[in-house]
Protein backbone atom coordinates (compact mmCIF):
# COMPACT_ATOMS: atom_id res chain seq x y z
CA UNK A 1 -11.87 -18.24 17.32
CA UNK A 2 -9.33 -16.83 14.87
CA UNK A 3 -10.48 -14.04 12.56
CA UNK A 4 -9.69 -14.49 8.85
CA UNK A 5 -6.81 -12.44 7.45
CA UNK A 6 -8.86 -11.15 4.52
CA UNK A 7 -12.57 -11.32 3.66
CA UNK A 8 -14.18 -9.79 0.58
CA UNK A 9 -17.97 -9.81 0.39
CA UNK A 10 -20.28 -8.91 -2.50
CA UNK A 11 -24.04 -8.52 -2.07
CA UNK A 12 -24.51 -8.47 -5.86
CA UNK A 13 -22.11 -8.63 -8.80
CA UNK A 14 -22.39 -4.83 -9.24
CA UNK A 15 -22.09 -3.83 -5.58
CA UNK A 16 -19.11 -2.21 -3.89
CA UNK A 17 -17.25 -4.99 -2.04
CA UNK A 18 -17.08 -5.01 1.73
CA UNK A 19 -13.48 -5.73 2.70
CA UNK A 20 -12.26 -6.91 6.10
CA UNK A 21 -8.52 -7.12 6.83
CA UNK A 22 -7.42 -8.69 10.13
CA UNK A 23 -11.03 -8.45 11.34
CA UNK A 24 -11.39 -4.72 10.68
CA UNK A 25 -13.58 -3.31 7.91
CA UNK A 26 -11.70 -1.17 5.40
CA UNK A 27 -13.51 2.00 4.44
CA UNK A 28 -12.50 4.65 1.91
CA UNK A 29 -11.69 1.96 -0.64
CA UNK A 30 -9.88 3.10 -3.79
CA UNK A 31 -8.84 -0.26 -5.30
CA UNK A 32 -9.43 -3.89 -4.34
CA UNK A 33 -7.49 -6.53 -6.25
CA UNK A 34 -7.31 -10.24 -5.49
CA UNK A 35 -6.03 -12.96 -7.81
CA UNK A 36 -5.30 -16.61 -7.23
CA UNK A 37 -4.53 -19.17 -9.91
CA UNK A 38 -4.18 -22.93 -9.92
CA UNK A 39 -3.41 -25.62 -12.47
CA UNK A 40 -1.31 -23.30 -14.59
CA UNK A 41 2.07 -23.77 -16.22
CA UNK A 42 3.77 -21.96 -13.35
CA UNK A 43 1.81 -22.29 -10.15
CA UNK A 44 1.53 -19.22 -7.93
CA UNK A 45 2.09 -20.39 -4.34
CA UNK A 46 -0.25 -17.82 -2.76
CA UNK A 47 -2.68 -15.10 -3.82
CA UNK A 48 -1.79 -11.71 -5.22
CA UNK A 49 -3.45 -9.01 -3.09
CA UNK A 50 -3.57 -5.29 -3.90
CA UNK A 51 -5.75 -3.09 -1.67
CA UNK A 52 -5.61 0.70 -1.56
CA UNK A 53 -7.75 2.87 0.70
CA UNK A 54 -7.85 6.41 2.08
CA UNK A 55 -6.96 6.77 5.76
CA UNK A 56 -8.62 9.89 7.16
CA UNK A 57 -7.70 9.35 10.81
CA UNK A 58 -5.24 12.27 10.74
CA UNK A 59 -5.54 15.87 9.54
CA UNK A 60 -3.90 14.91 6.26
CA UNK A 61 -5.52 11.98 4.39
CA UNK A 62 -3.14 9.26 3.20
CA UNK A 63 -3.53 6.43 0.71
CA UNK A 64 -2.63 3.17 2.46
CA UNK A 65 -1.61 0.06 0.50
CA UNK A 66 -1.93 -3.53 1.62
CA UNK A 67 -0.31 -5.94 -0.75
CA UNK A 68 1.09 -9.38 -1.23
CA UNK A 69 2.82 -10.43 -4.42
CA UNK A 70 4.34 -13.91 -4.19
CA UNK A 71 6.44 -13.11 -7.24
CA UNK A 72 7.75 -9.74 -6.06
CA UNK A 73 7.38 -9.21 -2.32
CA UNK A 74 4.91 -7.68 0.11
CA UNK A 75 3.89 -4.19 1.04
CA UNK A 76 1.89 -3.00 3.99
């Protein structure tokens, strides 16, 4: 069975989202952005994704960005 690329879960409207990217839970979340539009004047072919989180796996923490912008390119 294939794991979803991205899953965002909310227990309540005010809860911190649980985010899974390529089957792995993202911790240390700083920003989670997801937008998808349909039936607009200019259709966006795929979602806009902007995820930032702190990676503490090394001695020096880094902010990691995962992004997809169909109008301006990807970052990862």
